[in-house]
Amino acid sequence: YSNTWNRFIQKRFRAGEGAKTVTKLTEIHLGEDEYSHFVMFEGREIRKNRYFHEADGVSRSFDVYLGALWGLHTAKAEFEAREAMVIFSPPPFAVIEVTGNEFFDGRNLVDRSFADVQAEVASGRPA
């Protein structure tokens, strides 16, 4: 939609012991000059288009992966309070729940393909 690039380094971590669904996020946005220092790592990145939507007071982001992960689409919902998260029902178009499944963490997806994703989903392993 905006045809803009956002480049950043991102780190997610669990907010507490056993808190698989509550994460904290740290991001460092990179300017062009800063990003140029990371060119040597080319190939170790995930490219995706991110779309935002709000419904029923819940902010959602939808990621459509590009490249080797083409075919993977994920959604994330953000809540103001834990109580809202607990009562949340996924929308009918959600195929599987991957919250807490480390396979779907960005650091693990970076060297994967969509065939790997299909194998993980077919394995039926719980999150």
Protein backbone atom coordinates (compact mmCIF):
# COMPACT_ATOMS: atom_id res chain seq x y z
CA TYR A 1 0.00 0.00 0.00
CA SER A 2 2.65 2.51 1.01
CA ASN A 3 5.50 0.93 -0.97
CA THR A 4 7.93 1.78 1.82
CA TRP A 5 10.67 -0.30 3.41
CA ASN A 6 11.04 -0.58 7.14
CA ARG A 7 14.32 -2.06 8.26
CA PHE A 8 14.93 -2.93 11.87
CA ILE A 9 16.54 -5.33 14.24
CA GLN A 10 13.98 -6.95 16.46
CA LYS A 11 14.22 -9.03 19.61
CA ARG A 12 11.23 -10.72 21.24
CA PHE A 13 11.41 -12.35 24.62
CA ARG A 14 8.99 -14.01 26.99
CA ALA A 15 7.61 -11.68 29.65
CA GLY A 16 7.90 -14.29 32.38
CA GLU A 17 8.45 -17.92 33.17
CA GLY A 18 5.94 -20.02 31.29
CA ALA A 19 4.34 -16.96 29.72
CA LYS A 20 4.22 -18.36 26.20
CA THR A 21 1.69 -15.86 24.93
CA VAL A 22 2.93 -12.68 26.58
CA THR A 23 6.01 -11.25 24.91
CA LYS A 24 7.99 -8.08 25.11
CA LEU A 25 9.46 -6.57 22.01
CA THR A 26 12.51 -4.42 21.46
CA GLU A 27 13.15 -2.84 18.06
CA ILE A 28 15.88 -0.69 16.64
CA HIS A 29 14.82 1.01 13.43
CA LEU A 30 17.65 1.38 10.94
CA GLY A 31 18.28 4.21 8.52
CA GLU A 32 19.81 3.48 5.11
CA ASP A 33 23.34 4.19 6.35
CA GLU A 34 22.88 1.91 9.37
CA TYR A 35 21.30 -0.85 7.27
CA SER A 36 24.26 -0.78 4.87
CA HIS A 37 26.45 -2.23 7.65
CA PHE A 38 24.34 -5.39 7.56
CA VAL A 39 24.80 -6.12 3.85
CA MET A 40 27.40 -8.79 4.71
CA PHE A 41 24.57 -10.80 6.29
CA GLU A 42 22.47 -10.81 3.13
CA GLY A 43 20.44 -13.96 2.88
CA ARG A 44 19.74 -14.14 6.61
CA GLU A 45 16.60 -12.10 6.55
CA ILE A 46 12.89 -12.57 6.36
CA ARG A 47 10.89 -10.53 3.91
CA LYS A 48 7.21 -10.03 4.35
CA ASN A 49 4.45 -7.56 3.77
CA ARG A 50 2.65 -6.49 6.94
CA TYR A 51 -0.92 -5.28 7.02
CA PHE A 52 -2.78 -3.82 10.00
CA HIS A 53 -6.42 -4.10 10.97
CA GLU A 54 -8.47 -3.29 14.05
CA ALA A 55 -11.79 -4.94 14.84
CA ASP A 56 -13.79 -5.24 18.04
CA GLY A 57 -11.12 -3.26 19.89
CA VAL A 58 -8.37 -5.74 18.98
CA SER A 59 -5.37 -4.62 16.92
CA ARG A 60 -4.14 -7.24 14.49
CA SER A 61 -1.22 -7.48 12.15
CA PHE A 62 -1.12 -9.87 9.20
CA ASP A 63 2.17 -10.97 7.68
CA VAL A 64 2.38 -12.33 4.13
CA TYR A 65 5.80 -13.90 3.72
CA LEU A 66 7.83 -13.53 0.55
CA GLY A 67 10.66 -15.56 -0.99
CA ALA A 68 11.27 -19.10 0.29
CA LEU A 69 8.40 -18.74 2.78
CA TRP A 70 5.87 -17.69 0.12
CA GLY A 71 2.57 -19.27 1.15
CA LEU A 72 2.99 -18.63 4.88
CA HIS A 73 0.60 -16.07 6.30
CA THR A 74 0.48 -15.30 10.00
CA ALA A 75 -1.63 -13.04 12.16
CA LYS A 76 -0.95 -11.53 15.54
CA ALA A 77 -3.47 -9.95 17.91
CA GLU A 78 -2.48 -7.42 20.56
CA PHE A 79 -4.41 -6.89 23.76
CA GLU A 80 -4.44 -4.16 26.36
CA ALA A 81 -5.11 -6.63 29.17
CA ARG A 82 -4.43 -10.31 29.78
CA GLU A 83 -8.16 -10.89 30.43
CA ALA A 84 -8.98 -9.82 26.87
CA MET A 85 -6.38 -12.24 25.53
CA VAL A 86 -7.81 -15.14 27.54
CA ILE A 87 -11.34 -14.72 26.19
CA PHE A 88 -10.23 -14.03 22.59
CA SER A 89 -11.50 -16.45 19.95
CA PRO A 90 -9.44 -16.72 16.76
CA PRO A 91 -11.26 -15.68 13.58
CA PRO A 92 -12.77 -18.45 11.43
CA PHE A 93 -10.07 -18.07 8.77
CA ALA A 94 -7.30 -19.05 11.23
CA VAL A 95 -6.05 -22.49 10.26
CA ILE A 96 -3.86 -23.33 13.25
CA GLU A 97 -2.68 -21.68 16.47
CA VAL A 98 1.11 -21.22 16.53
CA THR A 99 1.44 -19.14 19.69
CA GLY A 100 4.24 -20.68 21.72
CA ASN A 101 5.43 -22.89 18.84
CA GLU A 102 9.07 -21.86 18.55
CA PHE A 103 9.24 -23.20 14.99
CA PHE A 104 7.34 -20.06 13.94
CA ASP A 105 9.66 -17.61 15.71
CA GLY A 106 11.48 -15.40 13.20
CA ARG A 107 14.89 -16.64 14.30
CA ASN A 108 13.82 -20.17 13.36
CA LEU A 109 12.05 -19.26 10.12
CA VAL A 110 14.98 -17.38 8.64
CA ASP A 111 16.54 -20.51 7.07
CA ARG A 112 13.28 -22.35 6.35
CA SER A 113 11.12 -22.82 3.29
CA PHE A 114 7.37 -23.15 2.88
CA ALA A 115 7.87 -26.93 2.50
CA ASP A 116 9.38 -26.91 6.01
CA VAL A 117 6.31 -25.04 7.27
CA GLN A 118 4.01 -27.57 5.63
CA ALA A 119 5.92 -30.44 7.26
CA GLU A 120 5.68 -28.75 10.69
CA VAL A 121 1.93 -28.23 10.30
CA ALA A 122 1.44 -31.83 9.09
CA SER A 123 3.38 -33.17 12.08
CA GLY A 124 0.58 -32.10 14.38
CA ARG A 125 3.02 -31.15 17.15
CA PRO A 126 1.31 -28.95 19.73
CA ALA A 127 2.50 -25.40 20.33
